[in-house]
């Protein structure tokens, strides 16, 4: 959904019901700062019945840049959230068809780059900057998320 349009669309997902009062995380997108959870709660209209309640938590990062790898890019003023993109599963899974194992993806838009509104601490982000060394200016690459860019 678009954050600035005031319209929200439901997230469709199923999960097994094992225990009472357990909240399930359906989406945890660290790149766009969105978490979608759901749990069964008593209905207000009929207390003997339970309904599925979904909660969408969006953190809008302050001073986010249009290009997060460029500290000099303009501040981002528009944040767009599409549930189809947040819910896509791009990790390949193995499925069996006709006795043979195949690799499959659960989404068709996995080759498109993901727009990040903040740093995903699991990914390495770098930028280049001019560095003067012995009177000569060189472009040097620097890690913006060092913990993700360098092995321990």
N, C-alpha and C. Protein backbone atom coordinates (compact mmCIF):
# COMPACT_ATOMS: atom_id res chain seq x y z
N UNK A 1 0.84 -1.18 0.00
CA UNK A 1 0.00 0.00 0.00
C UNK A 1 0.88 1.23 0.00
N UNK A 2 0.31 2.34 -0.41
CA UNK A 2 1.04 3.60 -0.39
C UNK A 2 0.79 4.26 0.96
N UNK A 3 1.88 4.64 1.62
CA UNK A 3 1.76 5.24 2.94
C UNK A 3 1.02 6.57 2.88
N UNK A 4 1.24 7.35 1.81
CA UNK A 4 0.64 8.67 1.75
C UNK A 4 -0.77 8.68 1.17
N UNK A 5 -1.32 7.52 0.81
CA UNK A 5 -2.66 7.52 0.24
C UNK A 5 -3.74 7.21 1.28
N UNK A 6 -3.34 6.67 2.42
CA UNK A 6 -4.30 6.35 3.46
C UNK A 6 -5.06 5.06 3.22
N UNK A 7 -4.64 4.28 2.22
CA UNK A 7 -5.33 3.02 1.91
C UNK A 7 -4.43 1.88 2.36
N UNK A 8 -5.00 0.92 3.04
CA UNK A 8 -4.24 -0.26 3.45
C UNK A 8 -4.95 -1.50 2.93
N UNK A 9 -4.19 -2.44 2.39
CA UNK A 9 -4.75 -3.68 1.90
C UNK A 9 -4.36 -4.80 2.84
N UNK A 10 -5.23 -5.77 3.04
CA UNK A 10 -4.90 -6.86 3.98
C UNK A 10 -3.79 -7.75 3.44
N UNK A 11 -3.05 -8.33 4.36
CA UNK A 11 -2.02 -9.30 4.02
C UNK A 11 -2.66 -10.67 4.10
N UNK A 12 -2.56 -11.44 3.04
CA UNK A 12 -3.15 -12.77 3.04
C UNK A 12 -2.06 -13.79 3.30
N UNK A 13 -2.16 -14.47 4.40
CA UNK A 13 -1.19 -15.51 4.73
C UNK A 13 -1.83 -16.46 5.72
N UNK A 14 -1.47 -17.71 5.63
CA UNK A 14 -2.01 -18.69 6.55
C UNK A 14 -0.91 -19.29 7.39
N UNK A 15 -1.28 -19.81 8.53
CA UNK A 15 -0.33 -20.48 9.40
C UNK A 15 -1.09 -21.41 10.32
N UNK A 16 -0.43 -22.43 10.83
CA UNK A 16 -1.12 -23.35 11.73
C UNK A 16 -1.40 -22.71 13.08
N UNK A 17 -2.48 -23.10 13.69
CA UNK A 17 -2.84 -22.55 14.98
C UNK A 17 -2.45 -23.56 16.05
N UNK A 18 -1.38 -23.27 16.78
CA UNK A 18 -0.89 -24.22 17.77
C UNK A 18 -1.23 -23.84 19.20
N UNK A 19 -0.97 -22.59 19.57
CA UNK A 19 -1.18 -22.21 20.97
C UNK A 19 -1.96 -20.90 21.06
N UNK A 20 -2.51 -20.68 22.23
CA UNK A 20 -3.31 -19.47 22.47
C UNK A 20 -2.43 -18.24 22.60
N UNK A 21 -2.96 -17.09 22.22
CA UNK A 21 -2.31 -15.79 22.39
C UNK A 21 -0.93 -15.70 21.74
N UNK A 22 -0.66 -16.52 20.75
CA UNK A 22 0.65 -16.45 20.11
C UNK A 22 0.55 -15.55 18.88
N UNK A 23 1.48 -14.60 18.80
CA UNK A 23 1.51 -13.68 17.68
C UNK A 23 2.50 -14.20 16.65
N UNK A 24 2.10 -14.21 15.40
CA UNK A 24 2.94 -14.70 14.31
C UNK A 24 3.47 -13.53 13.51
N UNK A 25 4.75 -13.58 13.17
CA UNK A 25 5.35 -12.57 12.31
C UNK A 25 5.20 -13.04 10.87
N UNK A 26 4.45 -12.29 10.09
CA UNK A 26 4.23 -12.64 8.69
C UNK A 26 5.27 -11.99 7.80
N UNK A 27 5.66 -10.75 8.12
CA UNK A 27 6.65 -10.02 7.34
C UNK A 27 7.56 -9.29 8.31
N UNK A 28 8.87 -9.40 8.10
CA UNK A 28 9.83 -8.60 8.86
C UNK A 28 10.85 -8.08 7.87
N UNK A 29 10.55 -6.94 7.26
CA UNK A 29 11.40 -6.37 6.23
C UNK A 29 12.27 -5.28 6.85
N UNK A 30 13.53 -5.63 7.14
CA UNK A 30 14.44 -4.67 7.77
C UNK A 30 14.86 -3.58 6.81
N UNK A 31 14.80 -3.87 5.53
CA UNK A 31 15.21 -2.90 4.51
C UNK A 31 14.24 -1.72 4.46
N UNK A 32 12.95 -2.00 4.60
CA UNK A 32 11.95 -0.93 4.57
C UNK A 32 11.32 -0.67 5.93
N UNK A 33 11.86 -1.27 6.98
CA UNK A 33 11.42 -1.01 8.36
C UNK A 33 9.95 -1.33 8.58
N UNK A 34 9.50 -2.49 8.08
CA UNK A 34 8.10 -2.88 8.20
C UNK A 34 8.01 -4.25 8.87
N UNK A 35 7.11 -4.38 9.84
CA UNK A 35 6.81 -5.67 10.45
C UNK A 35 5.30 -5.86 10.42
N UNK A 36 4.87 -7.03 9.93
CA UNK A 36 3.45 -7.37 9.90
C UNK A 36 3.26 -8.60 10.77
N UNK A 37 2.38 -8.50 11.76
CA UNK A 37 2.11 -9.63 12.65
C UNK A 37 0.61 -9.91 12.65
N UNK A 38 0.26 -11.10 13.12
CA UNK A 38 -1.15 -11.43 13.27
C UNK A 38 -1.33 -12.37 14.44
N UNK A 39 -2.52 -12.34 15.02
CA UNK A 39 -2.87 -13.26 16.10
C UNK A 39 -4.38 -13.32 16.21
N UNK A 40 -4.85 -14.39 16.82
CA UNK A 40 -6.29 -14.55 17.05
C UNK A 40 -6.67 -13.82 18.34
N UNK A 41 -7.76 -13.04 18.28
CA UNK A 41 -8.27 -12.30 19.44
C UNK A 41 -9.78 -12.51 19.52
N UNK A 42 -10.37 -12.38 20.73
CA UNK A 42 -11.83 -12.51 20.85
C UNK A 42 -12.53 -11.40 20.06
N UNK A 43 -13.59 -11.77 19.41
CA UNK A 43 -14.38 -10.81 18.64
C UNK A 43 -15.11 -9.87 19.59
N UNK A 44 -15.18 -8.58 19.26
CA UNK A 44 -15.90 -7.61 20.09
C UNK A 44 -17.41 -7.81 19.95
N UNK A 45 -17.84 -8.21 18.75
CA UNK A 45 -19.26 -8.42 18.51
C UNK A 45 -19.75 -9.73 19.13
N UNK A 46 -18.91 -10.75 19.10
CA UNK A 46 -19.29 -12.07 19.60
C UNK A 46 -18.11 -12.64 20.40
N UNK A 47 -18.06 -12.43 21.72
CA UNK A 47 -16.92 -12.85 22.54
C UNK A 47 -16.60 -14.34 22.48
N UNK A 48 -17.54 -15.17 22.08
CA UNK A 48 -17.28 -16.61 21.97
C UNK A 48 -16.57 -16.98 20.69
N UNK A 49 -16.38 -16.02 19.82
CA UNK A 49 -15.76 -16.25 18.53
C UNK A 49 -14.41 -15.53 18.49
N UNK A 50 -13.47 -16.08 17.75
CA UNK A 50 -12.16 -15.43 17.60
C UNK A 50 -12.01 -14.93 16.17
N UNK A 51 -11.35 -13.79 16.04
CA UNK A 51 -11.06 -13.24 14.71
C UNK A 51 -9.56 -13.07 14.58
N UNK A 52 -9.09 -13.01 13.36
CA UNK A 52 -7.67 -12.84 13.09
C UNK A 52 -7.37 -11.35 13.00
N UNK A 53 -6.50 -10.87 13.87
CA UNK A 53 -6.12 -9.46 13.90
C UNK A 53 -4.73 -9.33 13.30
N UNK A 54 -4.56 -8.38 12.37
CA UNK A 54 -3.25 -8.14 11.75
C UNK A 54 -2.78 -6.74 12.14
N UNK A 55 -1.51 -6.66 12.46
CA UNK A 55 -0.92 -5.37 12.82
C UNK A 55 0.24 -5.07 11.88
N UNK A 56 0.24 -3.87 11.34
CA UNK A 56 1.31 -3.43 10.45
C UNK A 56 2.07 -2.32 11.16
N UNK A 57 3.35 -2.55 11.41
CA UNK A 57 4.19 -1.57 12.11
C UNK A 57 5.20 -1.02 11.10
N UNK A 58 5.16 0.28 10.87
CA UNK A 58 6.07 0.93 9.92
C UNK A 58 6.87 1.98 10.68
N UNK A 59 8.19 1.86 10.60
CA UNK A 59 9.07 2.88 11.17
C UNK A 59 9.61 3.70 10.01
N UNK A 60 9.32 4.99 10.01
CA UNK A 60 9.83 5.86 8.95
C UNK A 60 11.12 6.49 9.47
N UNK A 61 12.26 6.15 8.86
CA UNK A 61 13.52 6.67 9.37
C UNK A 61 13.66 8.17 9.13
N UNK A 62 14.10 8.88 10.16
CA UNK A 62 14.34 10.31 10.02
C UNK A 62 15.61 10.53 9.22
N UNK A 63 15.62 11.56 8.42
CA UNK A 63 16.78 11.94 7.62
C UNK A 63 17.27 10.83 6.70
N UNK A 64 16.32 10.01 6.19
CA UNK A 64 16.68 8.99 5.21
C UNK A 64 17.01 9.68 3.89
N UNK A 65 18.00 9.18 3.20
CA UNK A 65 18.43 9.76 1.92
C UNK A 65 17.79 9.02 0.76
N UNK A 66 17.64 9.72 -0.37
CA UNK A 66 17.12 9.07 -1.58
C UNK A 66 18.01 7.91 -1.97
N UNK A 67 19.31 8.10 -1.87
CA UNK A 67 20.27 7.02 -2.11
C UNK A 67 21.00 6.80 -0.79
N UNK A 68 20.70 5.73 -0.10
CA UNK A 68 21.26 5.55 1.24
C UNK A 68 22.78 5.39 1.24
N UNK A 69 23.34 5.02 0.08
CA UNK A 69 24.79 4.89 0.01
C UNK A 69 25.48 6.21 -0.30
N UNK A 70 24.71 7.27 -0.52
CA UNK A 70 25.29 8.59 -0.81
C UNK A 70 24.82 9.58 0.25
N UNK A 71 25.68 9.89 1.24
CA UNK A 71 25.27 10.80 2.31
C UNK A 71 24.93 12.21 1.84
N UNK A 72 25.28 12.55 0.59
CA UNK A 72 25.00 13.89 0.07
C UNK A 72 23.73 13.94 -0.78
N UNK A 73 23.07 12.81 -1.00
CA UNK A 73 21.84 12.81 -1.80
C UNK A 73 20.73 13.49 -1.01
N UNK A 74 19.69 13.99 -1.70
CA UNK A 74 18.61 14.71 -0.99
C UNK A 74 17.85 13.80 -0.03
N UNK A 75 17.22 14.43 0.96
CA UNK A 75 16.42 13.68 1.92
C UNK A 75 15.20 13.07 1.23
N UNK A 76 14.85 11.87 1.63
CA UNK A 76 13.68 11.18 1.07
C UNK A 76 12.41 11.76 1.71
N UNK A 77 11.45 12.09 0.87
CA UNK A 77 10.19 12.65 1.37
C UNK A 77 9.00 11.73 1.08
N UNK A 78 9.18 10.73 0.20
CA UNK A 78 8.11 9.81 -0.13
C UNK A 78 8.54 8.39 0.20
N UNK A 79 7.69 7.68 0.91
CA UNK A 79 7.94 6.28 1.27
C UNK A 79 6.78 5.47 0.71
N UNK A 80 7.07 4.49 -0.13
CA UNK A 80 6.04 3.68 -0.77
C UNK A 80 6.16 2.25 -0.27
N UNK A 81 5.05 1.70 0.19
CA UNK A 81 5.02 0.33 0.70
C UNK A 81 3.99 -0.46 -0.09
N UNK A 82 4.44 -1.49 -0.79
CA UNK A 82 3.56 -2.38 -1.53
C UNK A 82 3.61 -3.74 -0.86
N UNK A 83 2.46 -4.21 -0.40
CA UNK A 83 2.43 -5.47 0.33
C UNK A 83 2.92 -6.63 -0.52
N UNK A 84 2.69 -6.59 -1.84
CA UNK A 84 3.17 -7.68 -2.69
C UNK A 84 4.69 -7.75 -2.68
N UNK A 85 5.35 -6.60 -2.60
CA UNK A 85 6.82 -6.61 -2.55
C UNK A 85 7.33 -7.00 -1.17
N UNK A 86 6.65 -6.57 -0.12
CA UNK A 86 7.07 -6.90 1.23
C UNK A 86 6.93 -8.40 1.50
N UNK A 87 5.92 -9.01 0.90
CA UNK A 87 5.62 -10.42 1.18
C UNK A 87 6.30 -11.39 0.22
N UNK A 88 7.01 -10.88 -0.76
CA UNK A 88 7.61 -11.80 -1.73
C UNK A 88 8.70 -12.65 -1.07
N UNK A 89 8.80 -13.88 -1.52
CA UNK A 89 9.80 -14.81 -1.00
C UNK A 89 10.71 -15.20 -2.16
N UNK A 90 11.95 -14.73 -2.10
CA UNK A 90 12.87 -14.95 -3.21
C UNK A 90 13.86 -16.08 -2.96
N UNK A 91 13.94 -16.57 -1.73
CA UNK A 91 14.85 -17.68 -1.47
C UNK A 91 14.32 -18.92 -2.19
N UNK A 92 15.18 -19.58 -2.96
CA UNK A 92 14.69 -20.77 -3.68
C UNK A 92 14.34 -21.90 -2.72
N UNK A 93 13.29 -22.61 -3.08
CA UNK A 93 12.86 -23.78 -2.30
C UNK A 93 12.86 -24.99 -3.23
N UNK A 94 13.04 -26.16 -2.64
CA UNK A 94 13.02 -27.38 -3.42
C UNK A 94 11.62 -27.96 -3.42
N UNK A 95 11.13 -28.29 -4.61
CA UNK A 95 9.82 -28.93 -4.72
C UNK A 95 9.97 -30.20 -5.55
N UNK A 96 9.10 -31.15 -5.30
CA UNK A 96 9.14 -32.41 -6.04
C UNK A 96 7.99 -32.45 -7.03
N UNK A 97 8.33 -32.67 -8.29
CA UNK A 97 7.33 -32.79 -9.34
C UNK A 97 7.63 -34.04 -10.14
N UNK A 98 6.70 -34.96 -10.18
CA UNK A 98 6.88 -36.18 -10.96
C UNK A 98 8.09 -36.99 -10.54
N UNK A 99 8.41 -36.99 -9.25
CA UNK A 99 9.54 -37.77 -8.75
C UNK A 99 10.89 -37.09 -8.89
N UNK A 100 10.92 -35.85 -9.43
CA UNK A 100 12.19 -35.12 -9.58
C UNK A 100 12.15 -33.87 -8.72
N UNK A 101 13.32 -33.46 -8.21
CA UNK A 101 13.44 -32.28 -7.35
C UNK A 101 13.80 -31.08 -8.22
N UNK A 102 13.08 -29.96 -8.03
CA UNK A 102 13.33 -28.73 -8.77
C UNK A 102 13.52 -27.58 -7.79
N UNK A 103 14.30 -26.57 -8.20
CA UNK A 103 14.43 -25.33 -7.44
C UNK A 103 13.38 -24.36 -7.94
N UNK A 104 12.65 -23.73 -7.03
CA UNK A 104 11.61 -22.78 -7.43
C UNK A 104 11.62 -21.58 -6.51
N UNK A 105 11.18 -20.44 -7.06
CA UNK A 105 11.01 -19.23 -6.26
C UNK A 105 9.53 -18.96 -6.12
N UNK A 106 9.14 -18.38 -4.99
CA UNK A 106 7.73 -18.14 -4.74
C UNK A 106 7.29 -16.75 -5.21
N UNK A 107 8.17 -16.04 -5.90
CA UNK A 107 7.82 -14.71 -6.41
C UNK A 107 8.40 -14.54 -7.80
N UNK A 108 7.76 -13.72 -8.62
CA UNK A 108 8.24 -13.52 -9.98
C UNK A 108 9.05 -12.23 -10.13
N UNK A 109 9.09 -11.39 -9.11
CA UNK A 109 9.78 -10.09 -9.23
C UNK A 109 11.06 -10.04 -8.40
N UNK A 110 11.81 -11.13 -8.37
CA UNK A 110 12.99 -11.19 -7.51
C UNK A 110 14.23 -10.55 -8.13
N UNK A 111 14.21 -10.29 -9.43
CA UNK A 111 15.38 -9.68 -10.07
C UNK A 111 15.39 -8.17 -9.97
N UNK A 112 14.28 -7.59 -9.54
CA UNK A 112 14.20 -6.14 -9.40
C UNK A 112 14.92 -5.70 -8.13
N UNK A 113 15.67 -4.60 -8.19
CA UNK A 113 16.37 -4.14 -6.98
C UNK A 113 15.38 -3.67 -5.92
N UNK A 114 15.70 -3.96 -4.66
CA UNK A 114 14.83 -3.56 -3.55
C UNK A 114 15.20 -2.16 -3.10
N UNK A 115 14.19 -1.31 -2.90
CA UNK A 115 14.44 0.04 -2.40
C UNK A 115 14.53 -0.02 -0.89
N UNK A 116 15.66 0.43 -0.37
CA UNK A 116 15.86 0.42 1.08
C UNK A 116 15.74 1.83 1.62
N UNK A 117 15.02 1.96 2.74
CA UNK A 117 14.88 3.26 3.38
C UNK A 117 15.88 3.44 4.52
N UNK A 118 16.53 2.38 4.88
CA UNK A 118 17.57 2.44 5.89
C UNK A 118 18.53 1.30 5.62
N UNK A 119 19.60 1.25 6.34
CA UNK A 119 20.57 0.18 6.14
C UNK A 119 20.03 -1.13 6.68
N UNK A 120 20.10 -2.15 5.85
CA UNK A 120 19.83 -3.51 6.31
C UNK A 120 21.16 -4.00 6.85
N UNK A 121 21.24 -4.24 8.14
CA UNK A 121 22.52 -4.57 8.78
C UNK A 121 23.11 -5.88 8.28
N UNK A 122 22.33 -6.65 7.54
CA UNK A 122 22.85 -7.90 6.98
C UNK A 122 23.53 -7.70 5.64
N UNK A 123 23.43 -6.49 5.06
CA UNK A 123 24.02 -6.21 3.74
C UNK A 123 25.17 -5.23 3.88
N UNK A 124 26.09 -5.30 2.93
CA UNK A 124 27.25 -4.40 2.92
C UNK A 124 26.94 -3.21 2.02
N UNK A 125 27.02 -2.01 2.58
CA UNK A 125 26.83 -0.77 1.81
C UNK A 125 28.15 -0.01 1.81
N UNK A 126 28.52 0.49 0.62
CA UNK A 126 29.76 1.26 0.50
C UNK A 126 29.49 2.55 -0.25
N UNK A 127 30.43 3.46 -0.13
CA UNK A 127 30.39 4.71 -0.90
C UNK A 127 31.82 5.10 -1.22
N UNK A 128 32.00 5.92 -2.24
CA UNK A 128 33.34 6.42 -2.55
C UNK A 128 33.40 7.89 -2.19
N UNK A 129 34.57 8.33 -1.78
CA UNK A 129 34.75 9.73 -1.43
C UNK A 129 36.16 10.15 -1.82
N UNK A 130 36.36 11.45 -2.10
CA UNK A 130 37.70 11.93 -2.47
C UNK A 130 38.61 11.98 -1.23
N UNK A 131 39.83 11.49 -1.38
CA UNK A 131 40.78 11.42 -0.27
C UNK A 131 42.12 11.98 -0.77
N UNK A 132 42.64 12.98 -0.06
CA UNK A 132 43.91 13.59 -0.45
C UNK A 132 45.05 12.85 0.26
N UNK A 133 46.00 12.34 -0.54
CA UNK A 133 47.14 11.61 0.01
C UNK A 133 48.39 12.07 -0.72
N UNK A 134 49.33 12.68 0.03
CA UNK A 134 50.57 13.25 -0.52
C UNK A 134 50.28 14.22 -1.67
N UNK A 135 49.26 15.05 -1.47
CA UNK A 135 48.94 16.07 -2.46
C UNK A 135 48.12 15.58 -3.64
N UNK A 136 47.86 14.29 -3.71
CA UNK A 136 47.10 13.72 -4.81
C UNK A 136 45.72 13.30 -4.30
N UNK A 137 44.68 13.59 -5.08
CA UNK A 137 43.32 13.22 -4.68
C UNK A 137 42.96 11.89 -5.34
N UNK A 138 42.55 10.95 -4.51
CA UNK A 138 42.13 9.63 -4.99
C UNK A 138 40.72 9.35 -4.49
N UNK A 139 39.97 8.61 -5.28
CA UNK A 139 38.64 8.17 -4.83
C UNK A 139 38.83 6.87 -4.05
N UNK A 140 38.38 6.89 -2.81
CA UNK A 140 38.55 5.75 -1.92
C UNK A 140 37.16 5.20 -1.56
N UNK A 141 37.06 3.88 -1.52
CA UNK A 141 35.80 3.26 -1.14
C UNK A 141 35.77 3.04 0.37
N UNK A 142 34.65 3.40 0.99
CA UNK A 142 34.50 3.24 2.43
C UNK A 142 33.23 2.44 2.73
N UNK A 143 33.29 1.65 3.78
CA UNK A 143 32.14 0.84 4.20
C UNK A 143 31.21 1.68 5.07
N UNK A 144 29.93 1.70 4.71
CA UNK A 144 28.95 2.42 5.52
C UNK A 144 28.37 1.51 6.61
N UNK A 145 28.46 0.21 6.40
CA UNK A 145 28.04 -0.78 7.41
C UNK A 145 29.21 -1.75 7.60
N UNK A 146 30.23 -1.34 8.33
CA UNK A 146 31.45 -2.15 8.44
C UNK A 146 31.24 -3.57 8.96
N UNK A 147 30.34 -3.75 9.91
CA UNK A 147 30.12 -5.09 10.47
C UNK A 147 29.66 -6.08 9.41
N UNK A 148 28.93 -5.61 8.39
CA UNK A 148 28.45 -6.50 7.34
C UNK A 148 29.44 -6.64 6.20
N UNK A 149 30.39 -5.71 6.10
CA UNK A 149 31.32 -5.72 4.97
C UNK A 149 32.59 -6.52 5.24
N UNK A 150 32.95 -6.68 6.49
CA UNK A 150 34.21 -7.35 6.82
C UNK A 150 33.95 -8.55 7.71
N UNK A 151 34.63 -9.63 7.38
CA UNK A 151 34.51 -10.84 8.21
C UNK A 151 35.17 -10.61 9.55
N UNK A 152 34.74 -11.34 10.57
CA UNK A 152 35.31 -11.19 11.92
C UNK A 152 36.77 -11.54 11.94
